[in-house]
């Protein structure tokens, strides 16, 4: 019999535990009952099922669906974290783990000040245009990067959303408000294990500020910065990302109406998040996103074939990257890049 993948193994084990009150896991510490149904699983998957053993009798179907979705998401995120460690040296710059939101704003120096003083960031580089405007800058927050520049005629300002994990969300939330942010959702302990709240910065961007409280974020490969889209038709975005960018939808959680309450999407080991805009909430404006991939040329061709609009064909940039730009059907701009290494020979 072919070996089961971790995803299939987890799916079958969860199904058994949720469907059969007498089911047990054949792993160290598991109990045995007469006539119980066995599910032989690995130690890794067994750890993910600890919560399920105590909660499997919960009667609400929607709770079971949500629980199963969350366990799958955490399993896949853990795999993605391992994948990042293996792949970083090959096509990402050092210390660049995430899909970076690329902010184009009016008055980039003030935005940098907000990122550093308000959100605990550290500026790592700033490059100016001849007119003194910021052409490109980078700010590190935790283990992740944020990129930005002054808006121009080609790239207009856009308000974007970011899920931000920090060590102390209360302190970060308070500093953001002191620097002019507006509270959108108060900080509170959430049922998914985070302490979480939301603010809108003076530039119109939304920050979902969180600190994990009941779990170790490193275990699930969570990074400090993840772009968060709020869309009309989020399922279509996942389908596009899968076809065009080789993405995977992880832990897709749907509401009773079939709309996505939350999903994590992985591209080449890095992730972004999305949900359906519901009720009176407006959908996000289009994003600017910078993602490192193993082969920019191949992915550019794949994306265009899948319906993306090619904005800039692949070229070798003078800073040592193979770069290209596409626009997806939602209007988001994707800056694709493959890092060529510090000693790369480049040409224009």
C-alpha atoms as a PDB file:
ATOM      1  CA  UNK A   1       0.000   0.000   0.000  1.00  0.00           C
ATOM      2  CA  UNK A   2       1.408   3.472  -0.899  1.00  0.00           C
ATOM      3  CA  UNK A   3       2.530   5.549   2.046  1.00  0.00           C
ATOM      4  CA  UNK A   4      -0.057   8.141   3.109  1.00  0.00           C
ATOM      5  CA  UNK A   5       0.947  11.801   2.927  1.00  0.00           C
ATOM      6  CA  UNK A   6       0.820  13.752   6.231  1.00  0.00           C
ATOM      7  CA  UNK A   7      -2.200  15.659   4.911  1.00  0.00           C
ATOM      8  CA  UNK A   8      -4.106  12.469   4.060  1.00  0.00           C
ATOM      9  CA  UNK A   9      -3.067  10.882   7.349  1.00  0.00           C
ATOM     10  CA  UNK A  10      -4.296  13.899   9.299  1.00  0.00           C
ATOM     11  CA  UNK A  11      -7.547  14.064   7.355  1.00  0.00           C
ATOM     12  CA  UNK A  12      -8.342  10.392   7.957  1.00  0.00           C
ATOM     13  CA  UNK A  13      -7.448  10.572  11.639  1.00  0.00           C
ATOM     14  CA  UNK A  14      -9.567  13.679  12.264  1.00  0.00           C
ATOM     15  CA  UNK A  15     -12.484  12.143  10.400  1.00  0.00           C
ATOM     16  CA  UNK A  16     -12.265   8.998  12.521  1.00  0.00           C
ATOM     17  CA  UNK A  17     -12.061  10.906  15.783  1.00  0.00           C
ATOM     18  CA  UNK A  18     -14.920  13.275  14.961  1.00  0.00           C
ATOM     19  CA  UNK A  19     -17.177  10.575  13.564  1.00  0.00           C
ATOM     20  CA  UNK A  20     -16.641   7.824  16.143  1.00  0.00           C
ATOM     21  CA  UNK A  21     -16.752   8.612  19.880  1.00  0.00           C
ATOM     22  CA  UNK A  22     -14.774   5.435  20.619  1.00  0.00           C
ATOM     23  CA  UNK A  23     -12.005   6.168  18.149  1.00  0.00           C
ATOM     24  CA  UNK A  24      -8.471   6.449  19.489  1.00  0.00           C
ATOM     25  CA  UNK A  25      -5.010   7.086  18.213  1.00  0.00           C
ATOM     26  CA  UNK A  26      -2.497   4.258  18.254  1.00  0.00           C
ATOM     27  CA  UNK A  27       0.327   6.392  19.613  1.00  0.00           C
ATOM     28  CA  UNK A  28       2.164   6.735  22.953  1.00  0.00           C
ATOM     29  CA  UNK A  29      -0.268   7.697  25.694  1.00  0.00           C
ATOM     30  CA  UNK A  30      -3.404   6.868  23.732  1.00  0.00           C
ATOM     31  CA  UNK A  31      -6.156   4.938  25.456  1.00  0.00           C
ATOM     32  CA  UNK A  32      -7.764   1.730  24.125  1.00  0.00           C
ATOM     33  CA  UNK A  33     -11.438   0.776  24.298  1.00  0.00           C
ATOM     34  CA  UNK A  34     -13.217  -2.451  23.363  1.00  0.00           C
ATOM     35  CA  UNK A  35     -14.443  -2.336  19.828  1.00  0.00           C
ATOM     36  CA  UNK A  36     -12.750   1.021  19.244  1.00  0.00           C
ATOM     37  CA  UNK A  37     -11.636   1.961  15.823  1.00  0.00           C
ATOM     38  CA  UNK A  38      -7.865   2.251  15.355  1.00  0.00           C
ATOM     39  CA  UNK A  39      -6.136   4.987  13.385  1.00  0.00           C
ATOM     40  CA  UNK A  40      -2.418   4.347  13.115  1.00  0.00           C
ATOM     41  CA  UNK A  41      -0.707   7.706  12.727  1.00  0.00           C
ATOM     42  CA  UNK A  42       2.724   9.278  13.061  1.00  0.00           C
ATOM     43  CA  UNK A  43       3.874  11.050  16.199  1.00  0.00           C
ATOM     44  CA  UNK A  44       3.774  14.406  14.364  1.00  0.00           C
ATOM     45  CA  UNK A  45       0.133  14.033  13.413  1.00  0.00           C
ATOM     46  CA  UNK A  46      -0.665  12.643  16.863  1.00  0.00           C
ATOM     47  CA  UNK A  47       0.419  15.958  18.410  1.00  0.00           C
ATOM     48  CA  UNK A  48      -2.057  17.847  16.235  1.00  0.00           C
ATOM     49  CA  UNK A  49      -4.881  15.627  17.460  1.00  0.00           C
ATOM     50  CA  UNK A  50      -4.445  16.412  21.149  1.00  0.00           C
ATOM     51  CA  UNK A  51      -7.151  19.080  21.017  1.00  0.00           C
ATOM     52  CA  UNK A  52      -9.510  16.867  19.071  1.00  0.00           C
ATOM     53  CA  UNK A  53      -9.586  14.069  21.669  1.00  0.00           C
ATOM     54  CA  UNK A  54     -11.126  16.390  24.245  1.00  0.00           C
ATOM     55  CA  UNK A  55     -13.447  18.218  21.847  1.00  0.00           C
ATOM     56  CA  UNK A  56     -14.595  15.467  19.463  1.00  0.00           C
ATOM     57  CA  UNK A  57     -17.986  15.157  21.165  1.00  0.00           C
ATOM     58  CA  UNK A  58     -18.923  18.773  20.471  1.00  0.00           C
ATOM     59  CA  UNK A  59     -22.282  18.599  18.701  1.00  0.00           C
ATOM     60  CA  UNK A  60     -22.187  21.631  16.375  1.00  0.00           C
ATOM     61  CA  UNK A  61     -21.213  20.637  12.812  1.00  0.00           C
ATOM     62  CA  UNK A  62     -19.801  24.100  12.079  1.00  0.00           C
ATOM     63  CA  UNK A  63     -17.463  23.773  15.071  1.00  0.00           C
ATOM     64  CA  UNK A  64     -16.145  20.478  13.750  1.00  0.00           C
ATOM     65  CA  UNK A  65     -15.587  21.947  10.301  1.00  0.00           C
ATOM     66  CA  UNK A  66     -13.739  24.930  11.757  1.00  0.00           C
ATOM     67  CA  UNK A  67     -11.610  22.727  14.008  1.00  0.00           C
ATOM     68  CA  UNK A  68     -10.664  20.433  11.161  1.00  0.00           C
ATOM     69  CA  UNK A  69      -9.781  23.413   8.961  1.00  0.00           C
ATOM     70  CA  UNK A  70      -7.573  24.976  11.639  1.00  0.00           C
ATOM     71  CA  UNK A  71      -5.678  21.750  12.280  1.00  0.00           C
ATOM     72  CA  UNK A  72      -5.019  21.343   8.574  1.00  0.00           C
ATOM     73  CA  UNK A  73      -3.830  24.954   8.333  1.00  0.00           C
ATOM     74  CA  UNK A  74      -1.400  24.534  11.194  1.00  0.00           C
ATOM     75  CA  UNK A  75      -0.088  21.270   9.760  1.00  0.00           C
ATOM     76  CA  UNK A  76       0.553  22.814   6.355  1.00  0.00           C
ATOM     77  CA  UNK A  77       2.049  25.964   7.853  1.00  0.00           C
ATOM     78  CA  UNK A  78       4.534  23.799   9.742  1.00  0.00           C
ATOM     79  CA  UNK A  79       5.492  22.101   6.479  1.00  0.00           C
ATOM     80  CA  UNK A  80       5.825  25.487   4.769  1.00  0.00           C
ATOM     81  CA  UNK A  81       8.184  26.677   7.512  1.00  0.00           C
ATOM     82  CA  UNK A  82      10.482  23.713   6.883  1.00  0.00           C
ATOM     83  CA  UNK A  83      10.278  24.386   3.159  1.00  0.00           C
ATOM     84  CA  UNK A  84      11.350  28.001   3.678  1.00  0.00           C
ATOM     85  CA  UNK A  85      14.507  26.934   5.520  1.00  0.00           C
ATOM     86  CA  UNK A  86      15.501  24.646   2.634  1.00  0.00           C
ATOM     87  CA  UNK A  87      14.724  27.091  -0.141  1.00  0.00           C
ATOM     88  CA  UNK A  88      15.815  30.465   1.221  1.00  0.00           C
ATOM     89  CA  UNK A  89      19.436  30.183   0.138  1.00  0.00           C
ATOM     90  CA  UNK A  90      18.498  29.324  -3.415  1.00  0.00           C
ATOM     91  CA  UNK A  91      16.151  32.100  -4.519  1.00  0.00           C
ATOM     92  CA  UNK A  92      15.570  34.538  -1.640  1.00  0.00           C
ATOM     93  CA  UNK A  93      17.928  37.161  -0.222  1.00  0.00           C
ATOM     94  CA  UNK A  94      19.198  36.417   3.283  1.00  0.00           C
ATOM     95  CA  UNK A  95      16.629  37.100   6.023  1.00  0.00           C
ATOM     96  CA  UNK A  96      13.747  37.559   3.558  1.00  0.00           C
ATOM     97  CA  UNK A  97      11.083  35.026   4.545  1.00  0.00           C
ATOM     98  CA  UNK A  98       7.734  36.573   3.692  1.00  0.00           C
ATOM     99  CA  UNK A  99       5.638  37.879   0.839  1.00  0.00           C
ATOM    100  CA  UNK A 100       6.359  41.557   1.349  1.00  0.00           C
ATOM    101  CA  UNK A 101       3.588  44.150   1.144  1.00  0.00           C
ATOM    102  CA  UNK A 102       4.979  46.957  -0.999  1.00  0.00           C
ATOM    103  CA  UNK A 103       3.559  50.293   0.163  1.00  0.00           C
ATOM    104  CA  UNK A 104       3.464  53.245  -2.231  1.00  0.00           C
ATOM    105  CA  UNK A 105       2.528  56.263  -0.133  1.00  0.00           C
ATOM    106  CA  UNK A 106       2.595  60.031  -0.045  1.00  0.00           C
ATOM    107  CA  UNK A 107       5.479  61.083   2.229  1.00  0.00           C
ATOM    108  CA  UNK A 108       7.418  57.829   2.599  1.00  0.00           C
ATOM    109  CA  UNK A 109       9.746  59.211   5.330  1.00  0.00           C
ATOM    110  CA  UNK A 110       6.754  59.760   7.621  1.00  0.00           C
ATOM    111  CA  UNK A 111       5.498  56.264   6.859  1.00  0.00           C
ATOM    112  CA  UNK A 112       8.925  54.851   7.751  1.00  0.00           C
ATOM    113  CA  UNK A 113       8.717  56.742  11.048  1.00  0.00           C
ATOM    114  CA  UNK A 114       5.332  55.121  11.742  1.00  0.00           C
ATOM    115  CA  UNK A 115       6.694  51.639  10.964  1.00  0.00           C
ATOM    116  CA  UNK A 116       9.749  52.135  13.178  1.00  0.00           C
ATOM    117  CA  UNK A 117       8.314  54.085  16.128  1.00  0.00           C
ATOM    118  CA  UNK A 118       4.788  52.712  16.037  1.00  0.00           C
ATOM    119  CA  UNK A 119       5.190  49.093  14.960  1.00  0.00           C
ATOM    120  CA  UNK A 120       8.677  48.307  16.222  1.00  0.00           C
ATOM    121  CA  UNK A 121      10.340  48.108  12.819  1.00  0.00           C
ATOM    122  CA  UNK A 122      13.998  48.583  11.888  1.00  0.00           C
ATOM    123  CA  UNK A 123      14.925  50.448   8.717  1.00  0.00           C
ATOM    124  CA  UNK A 124      17.387  48.401   6.664  1.00  0.00           C
ATOM    125  CA  UNK A 125      17.820  50.576   3.583  1.00  0.00           C
ATOM    126  CA  UNK A 126      16.659  53.737   1.848  1.00  0.00           C
ATOM    127  CA  UNK A 127      17.381  54.817  -1.734  1.00  0.00           C
ATOM    128  CA  UNK A 128      16.410  58.243  -3.076  1.00  0.00           C
ATOM    129  CA  UNK A 129      15.421  59.502  -6.510  1.00  0.00           C
ATOM    130  CA  UNK A 130      17.178  62.556  -7.950  1.00  0.00           C
ATOM    131  CA  UNK A 131      14.282  64.722  -6.718  1.00  0.00           C
ATOM    132  CA  UNK A 132      14.826  63.526  -3.138  1.00  0.00           C
ATOM    133  CA  UNK A 133      11.764  61.289  -3.044  1.00  0.00           C
ATOM    134  CA  UNK A 134      12.138  57.751  -1.690  1.00  0.00           C
ATOM    135  CA  UNK A 135      12.579  55.366  -4.631  1.00  0.00           C
ATOM    136  CA  UNK A 136      12.793  52.264  -2.420  1.00  0.00           C
ATOM    137  CA  UNK A 137      13.118  51.507   1.277  1.00  0.00           C
ATOM    138  CA  UNK A 138      12.911  48.420   3.445  1.00  0.00           C
ATOM    139  CA  UNK A 139      11.879  48.002   7.079  1.00  0.00           C
ATOM    140  CA  UNK A 140      12.268  44.757   9.011  1.00  0.00           C
ATOM    141  CA  UNK A 141       9.634  43.833  11.594  1.00  0.00           C
ATOM    142  CA  UNK A 142      10.340  40.653  13.527  1.00  0.00           C
ATOM    143  CA  UNK A 143      11.440  38.014  11.014  1.00  0.00           C
ATOM    144  CA  UNK A 144       9.816  39.731   8.025  1.00  0.00           C
ATOM    145  CA  UNK A 145      10.305  42.580   5.574  1.00  0.00           C
ATOM    146  CA  UNK A 146       8.120  45.493   4.517  1.00  0.00           C
ATOM    147  CA  UNK A 147       9.031  47.475   1.391  1.00  0.00           C
ATOM    148  CA  UNK A 148       7.904  50.931   0.387  1.00  0.00           C
ATOM    149  CA  UNK A 149       8.501  54.036  -1.652  1.00  0.00           C
ATOM    150  CA  UNK A 150       6.962  57.358  -2.561  1.00  0.00           C
ATOM    151  CA  UNK A 151       4.013  57.016  -4.910  1.00  0.00           C
ATOM    152  CA  UNK A 152       4.354  58.347  -8.444  1.00  0.00           C
ATOM    153  CA  UNK A 153       2.318  58.605 -11.636  1.00  0.00           C
ATOM    154  CA  UNK A 154       2.984  54.978 -12.565  1.00  0.00           C
ATOM    155  CA  UNK A 155       2.384  53.546  -9.088  1.00  0.00           C
ATOM    156  CA  UNK A 156      -0.386  55.351  -7.214  1.00  0.00           C
ATOM    157  CA  UNK A 157      -0.985  55.095  -3.436  1.00  0.00           C
ATOM    158  CA  UNK A 158      -3.032  52.100  -2.318  1.00  0.00           C
ATOM    159  CA  UNK A 159      -4.405  51.271   1.129  1.00  0.00           C
ATOM    160  CA  UNK A 160      -3.510  47.696   2.066  1.00  0.00           C
ATOM    161  CA  UNK A 161      -4.002  45.269   4.961  1.00  0.00           C
ATOM    162  CA  UNK A 162      -1.376  43.427   7.012  1.00  0.00           C
ATOM    163  CA  UNK A 163      -1.617  40.714   9.670  1.00  0.00           C
ATOM    164  CA  UNK A 164       1.159  41.666  12.081  1.00  0.00           C
ATOM    165  CA  UNK A 165       2.463  39.278  14.767  1.00  0.00           C
ATOM    166  CA  UNK A 166       4.415  40.982  17.562  1.00  0.00           C
ATOM    167  CA  UNK A 167       5.674  40.004  21.010  1.00  0.00           C
ATOM    168  CA  UNK A 168       3.416  42.505  22.811  1.00  0.00           C
ATOM    169  CA  UNK A 169       0.310  43.499  20.868  1.00  0.00           C
ATOM    170  CA  UNK A 170      -0.936  45.767  23.679  1.00  0.00           C
ATOM    171  CA  UNK A 171       2.195  47.920  23.552  1.00  0.00           C
ATOM    172  CA  UNK A 172       2.270  47.993  19.734  1.00  0.00           C
ATOM    173  CA  UNK A 173      -1.429  48.848  19.517  1.00  0.00           C
ATOM    174  CA  UNK A 174      -0.997  51.717  21.977  1.00  0.00           C
ATOM    175  CA  UNK A 175       2.054  53.127  20.148  1.00  0.00           C
ATOM    176  CA  UNK A 176       0.220  52.994  16.817  1.00  0.00           C
ATOM    177  CA  UNK A 177      -2.652  55.045  18.269  1.00  0.00           C
ATOM    178  CA  UNK A 178      -0.200  57.567  19.727  1.00  0.00           C
ATOM    179  CA  UNK A 179       1.245  58.084  16.242  1.00  0.00           C
ATOM    180  CA  UNK A 180      -2.113  58.847  14.679  1.00  0.00           C
ATOM    181  CA  UNK A 181      -3.653  55.444  13.911  1.00  0.00           C
ATOM    182  CA  UNK A 182      -7.406  54.960  14.377  1.00  0.00           C
ATOM    183  CA  UNK A 183      -8.817  52.013  16.336  1.00  0.00           C
ATOM    184  CA  UNK A 184     -10.956  49.666  14.213  1.00  0.00           C
ATOM    185  CA  UNK A 185     -11.293  46.711  16.606  1.00  0.00           C
ATOM    186  CA  UNK A 186     -10.295  46.704  20.287  1.00  0.00           C
ATOM    187  CA  UNK A 187      -7.707  44.254  21.549  1.00  0.00           C
ATOM    188  CA  UNK A 188      -9.266  41.074  22.909  1.00  0.00           C
ATOM    189  CA  UNK A 189      -8.371  37.425  23.472  1.00  0.00           C
ATOM    190  CA  UNK A 190      -9.745  35.506  20.492  1.00  0.00           C
ATOM    191  CA  UNK A 191     -11.049  31.935  20.348  1.00  0.00           C
ATOM    192  CA  UNK A 192      -8.357  30.912  17.844  1.00  0.00           C
ATOM    193  CA  UNK A 193      -5.604  31.545  20.402  1.00  0.00           C
ATOM    194  CA  UNK A 194      -4.439  35.091  19.627  1.00  0.00           C
ATOM    195  CA  UNK A 195      -4.823  38.365  21.434  1.00  0.00           C
ATOM    196  CA  UNK A 196      -5.847  40.546  18.518  1.00  0.00           C
ATOM    197  CA  UNK A 197      -7.010  44.024  17.513  1.00  0.00           C
ATOM    198  CA  UNK A 198      -7.039  46.237  14.419  1.00  0.00           C
ATOM    199  CA  UNK A 199      -6.039  49.811  13.610  1.00  0.00           C
ATOM    200  CA  UNK A 200      -5.950  52.013  10.512  1.00  0.00           C
ATOM    201  CA  UNK A 201      -2.754  54.033  10.119  1.00  0.00           C
ATOM    202  CA  UNK A 202      -2.670  57.700   8.973  1.00  0.00           C
ATOM    203  CA  UNK A 203      -1.999  56.481   5.404  1.00  0.00           C
ATOM    204  CA  UNK A 204      -5.190  54.396   5.245  1.00  0.00           C
ATOM    205  CA  UNK A 205      -3.633  50.954   5.726  1.00  0.00           C
ATOM    206  CA  UNK A 206      -5.207  48.401   8.074  1.00  0.00           C
ATOM    207  CA  UNK A 207      -3.026  46.537  10.586  1.00  0.00           C
ATOM    208  CA  UNK A 208      -4.358  43.414  12.319  1.00  0.00           C
ATOM    209  CA  UNK A 209      -2.063  43.337  15.350  1.00  0.00           C
ATOM    210  CA  UNK A 210      -1.769  40.028  17.202  1.00  0.00           C
ATOM    211  CA  UNK A 211       0.198  38.073  19.779  1.00  0.00           C
ATOM    212  CA  UNK A 212      -0.209  34.266  20.069  1.00  0.00           C
ATOM    213  CA  UNK A 213      -1.362  33.322  23.564  1.00  0.00           C
ATOM    214  CA  UNK A 214      -2.179  29.614  23.607  1.00  0.00           C
ATOM    215  CA  UNK A 215       0.329  28.154  21.152  1.00  0.00           C
ATOM    216  CA  UNK A 216       3.898  28.502  19.918  1.00  0.00           C
ATOM    217  CA  UNK A 217       3.864  30.410  16.605  1.00  0.00           C
ATOM    218  CA  UNK A 218       7.240  28.952  15.582  1.00  0.00           C
ATOM    219  CA  UNK A 219       5.693  25.487  15.597  1.00  0.00           C
ATOM    220  CA  UNK A 220       3.357  26.523  12.776  1.00  0.00           C
ATOM    221  CA  UNK A 221       5.749  28.627  10.745  1.00  0.00           C
ATOM    222  CA  UNK A 222       3.939  31.915  11.361  1.00  0.00           C
ATOM    223  CA  UNK A 223       5.881  34.950  10.194  1.00  0.00           C
ATOM    224  CA  UNK A 224       5.646  38.459  11.598  1.00  0.00           C
ATOM    225  CA  UNK A 225       4.169  40.091   8.473  1.00  0.00           C
ATOM    226  CA  UNK A 226       1.530  38.630   6.165  1.00  0.00           C
ATOM    227  CA  UNK A 227      -0.504  40.660   3.639  1.00  0.00           C
ATOM    228  CA  UNK A 228      -4.236  40.295   4.331  1.00  0.00           C
ATOM    229  CA  UNK A 229      -6.755  40.793   1.510  1.00  0.00           C
ATOM    230  CA  UNK A 230     -10.470  41.318   2.086  1.00  0.00           C
ATOM    231  CA  UNK A 231     -12.087  40.465  -1.265  1.00  0.00           C
ATOM    232  CA  UNK A 232     -15.317  40.000  -3.152  1.00  0.00           C
ATOM    233  CA  UNK A 233     -15.009  36.453  -4.478  1.00  0.00           C
ATOM    234  CA  UNK A 234     -12.083  35.174  -2.412  1.00  0.00           C
ATOM    235  CA  UNK A 235     -12.487  31.649  -3.845  1.00  0.00           C
ATOM    236  CA  UNK A 236     -11.632  33.060  -7.275  1.00  0.00           C
ATOM    237  CA  UNK A 237      -8.449  34.577  -5.874  1.00  0.00           C
ATOM    238  CA  UNK A 238      -7.349  31.216  -4.495  1.00  0.00           C
ATOM    239  CA  UNK A 239      -8.107  29.502  -7.815  1.00  0.00           C
ATOM    240  CA  UNK A 240      -6.136  32.135  -9.700  1.00  0.00           C
ATOM    241  CA  UNK A 241      -3.162  31.916  -7.330  1.00  0.00           C
ATOM    242  CA  UNK A 242      -3.100  28.141  -7.667  1.00  0.00           C
ATOM    243  CA  UNK A 243      -3.199  28.224 -11.470  1.00  0.00           C
ATOM    244  CA  UNK A 244      -0.981  31.257 -12.046  1.00  0.00           C
ATOM    245  CA  UNK A 245       1.461  31.258  -9.129  1.00  0.00           C
ATOM    246  CA  UNK A 246       1.633  27.601  -8.113  1.00  0.00           C
ATOM    247  CA  UNK A 247      -0.049  28.437  -4.799  1.00  0.00           C
ATOM    248  CA  UNK A 248      -1.802  26.228  -2.236  1.00  0.00           C
ATOM    249  CA  UNK A 249      -4.810  27.211  -0.160  1.00  0.00           C
ATOM    250  CA  UNK A 250      -4.220  26.192   3.469  1.00  0.00           C
ATOM    251  CA  UNK A 251      -6.920  25.827   6.119  1.00  0.00           C
ATOM    252  CA  UNK A 252      -9.694  27.404   4.061  1.00  0.00           C
ATOM    253  CA  UNK A 253     -12.528  28.148   6.500  1.00  0.00           C
ATOM    254  CA  UNK A 254     -15.973  28.801   5.026  1.00  0.00           C
ATOM    255  CA  UNK A 255     -19.110  30.249   6.575  1.00  0.00           C
ATOM    256  CA  UNK A 256     -22.601  28.721   6.197  1.00  0.00           C
ATOM    257  CA  UNK A 257     -23.085  30.762   3.004  1.00  0.00           C
ATOM    258  CA  UNK A 258     -19.953  29.301   1.428  1.00  0.00           C
ATOM    259  CA  UNK A 259     -17.987  32.544   1.677  1.00  0.00           C
ATOM    260  CA  UNK A 260     -14.443  32.368   2.996  1.00  0.00           C
ATOM    261  CA  UNK A 261     -14.075  33.494   6.599  1.00  0.00           C
ATOM    262  CA  UNK A 262     -10.299  32.994   6.476  1.00  0.00           C
ATOM    263  CA  UNK A 263      -7.695  31.302   4.315  1.00  0.00           C
ATOM    264  CA  UNK A 264      -3.924  31.221   4.153  1.00  0.00           C
ATOM    265  CA  UNK A 265      -2.345  30.942   0.692  1.00  0.00           C
ATOM    266  CA  UNK A 266       1.217  29.681   0.267  1.00  0.00           C
ATOM    267  CA  UNK A 267       3.445  30.625  -2.674  1.00  0.00           C
ATOM    268  CA  UNK A 268       6.951  29.122  -2.806  1.00  0.00           C
ATOM    269  CA  UNK A 269       7.068  28.715   0.969  1.00  0.00           C
ATOM    270  CA  UNK A 270       5.747  32.193   1.876  1.00  0.00           C
ATOM    271  CA  UNK A 271       2.146  33.114   2.656  1.00  0.00           C
ATOM    272  CA  UNK A 272      -0.571  35.728   2.477  1.00  0.00           C
ATOM    273  CA  UNK A 273      -4.076  35.670   3.963  1.00  0.00           C
ATOM    274  CA  UNK A 274      -7.513  36.533   2.655  1.00  0.00           C
ATOM    275  CA  UNK A 275     -11.225  36.481   3.401  1.00  0.00           C
ATOM    276  CA  UNK A 276     -14.488  37.480   1.729  1.00  0.00           C
ATOM    277  CA  UNK A 277     -15.684  41.021   2.336  1.00  0.00           C
ATOM    278  CA  UNK A 278     -19.014  40.514   4.110  1.00  0.00           C
ATOM    279  CA  UNK A 279     -21.977  42.682   5.009  1.00  0.00           C
ATOM    280  CA  UNK A 280     -21.257  46.386   4.839  1.00  0.00           C
ATOM    281  CA  UNK A 281     -17.483  45.928   4.836  1.00  0.00           C
ATOM    282  CA  UNK A 282     -15.748  47.203   1.736  1.00  0.00           C
ATOM    283  CA  UNK A 283     -13.323  45.050  -0.207  1.00  0.00           C
ATOM    284  CA  UNK A 284      -9.632  45.897  -0.044  1.00  0.00           C
ATOM    285  CA  UNK A 285      -8.151  48.147  -2.653  1.00  0.00           C
ATOM    286  CA  UNK A 286      -5.644  46.316  -4.890  1.00  0.00           C
ATOM    287  CA  UNK A 287      -2.323  45.433  -3.274  1.00  0.00           C
ATOM    288  CA  UNK A 288       1.318  45.732  -4.308  1.00  0.00           C
ATOM    289  CA  UNK A 289       3.134  42.507  -3.374  1.00  0.00           C
ATOM    290  CA  UNK A 290       6.755  41.397  -3.710  1.00  0.00           C
ATOM    291  CA  UNK A 291       7.252  37.621  -3.783  1.00  0.00           C
ATOM    292  CA  UNK A 292      10.429  35.606  -4.332  1.00  0.00           C
ATOM    293  CA  UNK A 293      10.037  32.481  -6.471  1.00  0.00           C
ATOM    294  CA  UNK A 294      12.436  29.815  -7.772  1.00  0.00           C
ATOM    295  CA  UNK A 295      12.093  30.800 -11.456  1.00  0.00           C
ATOM    296  CA  UNK A 296      10.695  34.226 -12.352  1.00  0.00           C
ATOM    297  CA  UNK A 297      10.687  33.534 -16.105  1.00  0.00           C
ATOM    298  CA  UNK A 298       8.712  30.303 -15.772  1.00  0.00           C
ATOM    299  CA  UNK A 299       6.214  31.746 -13.293  1.00  0.00           C
ATOM    300  CA  UNK A 300       5.683  34.880 -15.371  1.00  0.00           C
ATOM    301  CA  UNK A 301       4.800  32.745 -18.400  1.00  0.00           C
ATOM    302  CA  UNK A 302       2.541  30.520 -16.280  1.00  0.00           C
ATOM    303  CA  UNK A 303       0.745  33.514 -14.766  1.00  0.00           C
ATOM    304  CA  UNK A 304       0.100  35.186 -18.121  1.00  0.00           C
ATOM    305  CA  UNK A 305      -1.203  31.889 -19.532  1.00  0.00           C
ATOM    306  CA  UNK A 306      -3.574  31.659 -16.539  1.00  0.00           C
ATOM    307  CA  UNK A 307      -5.067  35.095 -17.135  1.00  0.00           C
ATOM    308  CA  UNK A 308      -2.694  37.559 -15.487  1.00  0.00           C
ATOM    309  CA  UNK A 309      -1.766  40.748 -17.283  1.00  0.00           C
ATOM    310  CA  UNK A 310       1.946  40.989 -18.015  1.00  0.00           C
ATOM    311  CA  UNK A 311       3.155  44.437 -16.925  1.00  0.00           C
ATOM    312  CA  UNK A 312       6.948  44.031 -17.098  1.00  0.00           C
ATOM    313  CA  UNK A 313       8.541  41.038 -18.829  1.00  0.00           C
ATOM    314  CA  UNK A 314      11.351  39.225 -16.992  1.00  0.00           C
ATOM    315  CA  UNK A 315      14.662  41.089 -16.912  1.00  0.00           C
ATOM    316  CA  UNK A 316      17.857  41.005 -14.857  1.00  0.00           C
ATOM    317  CA  UNK A 317      17.890  43.962 -12.461  1.00  0.00           C
ATOM    318  CA  UNK A 318      21.160  45.729 -11.540  1.00  0.00           C
ATOM    319  CA  UNK A 319      20.685  44.775  -7.873  1.00  0.00           C
ATOM    320  CA  UNK A 320      21.116  41.072  -8.609  1.00  0.00           C
ATOM    321  CA  UNK A 321      17.586  39.774  -9.176  1.00  0.00           C
ATOM    322  CA  UNK A 322      15.611  38.351 -12.053  1.00  0.00           C
ATOM    323  CA  UNK A 323      12.428  40.413 -11.898  1.00  0.00           C
ATOM    324  CA  UNK A 324       9.017  40.722 -13.581  1.00  0.00           C
ATOM    325  CA  UNK A 325       5.644  42.319 -12.862  1.00  0.00           C
ATOM    326  CA  UNK A 326       2.112  40.996 -13.373  1.00  0.00           C
ATOM    327  CA  UNK A 327      -1.389  42.171 -12.493  1.00  0.00           C
ATOM    328  CA  UNK A 328      -3.988  39.643 -11.345  1.00  0.00           C
ATOM    329  CA  UNK A 329      -7.751  39.770 -12.153  1.00  0.00           C
ATOM    330  CA  UNK A 330      -8.408  41.612  -8.856  1.00  0.00           C
ATOM    331  CA  UNK A 331      -6.028  44.411  -9.838  1.00  0.00           C
ATOM    332  CA  UNK A 332      -3.244  43.394  -7.433  1.00  0.00           C
ATOM    333  CA  UNK A 333       0.276  44.062  -8.701  1.00  0.00           C
ATOM    334  CA  UNK A 334       2.792  41.243  -8.116  1.00  0.00           C
ATOM    335  CA  UNK A 335       6.500  41.979  -8.284  1.00  0.00           C
ATOM    336  CA  UNK A 336       8.024  38.555  -8.990  1.00  0.00           C
ATOM    337  CA  UNK A 337      11.704  38.059  -8.245  1.00  0.00           C
ATOM    338  CA  UNK A 338      14.418  35.423  -8.111  1.00  0.00           C
ATOM    339  CA  UNK A 339      17.520  36.323  -6.110  1.00  0.00           C
ATOM    340  CA  UNK A 340      20.670  35.612  -8.122  1.00  0.00           C
ATOM    341  CA  UNK A 341      23.136  35.772  -5.245  1.00  0.00           C
ATOM    342  CA  UNK A 342      25.556  38.404  -3.924  1.00  0.00           C
ATOM    343  CA  UNK A 343      28.124  37.711  -6.638  1.00  0.00           C
ATOM    344  CA  UNK A 344      25.660  37.626  -9.521  1.00  0.00           C
ATOM    345  CA  UNK A 345      26.823  39.059 -12.834  1.00  0.00           C
ATOM    346  CA  UNK A 346      24.051  41.413 -13.950  1.00  0.00           C
ATOM    347  CA  UNK A 347      23.376  43.395 -17.063  1.00  0.00           C
ATOM    348  CA  UNK A 348      20.782  45.930 -18.117  1.00  0.00           C
END
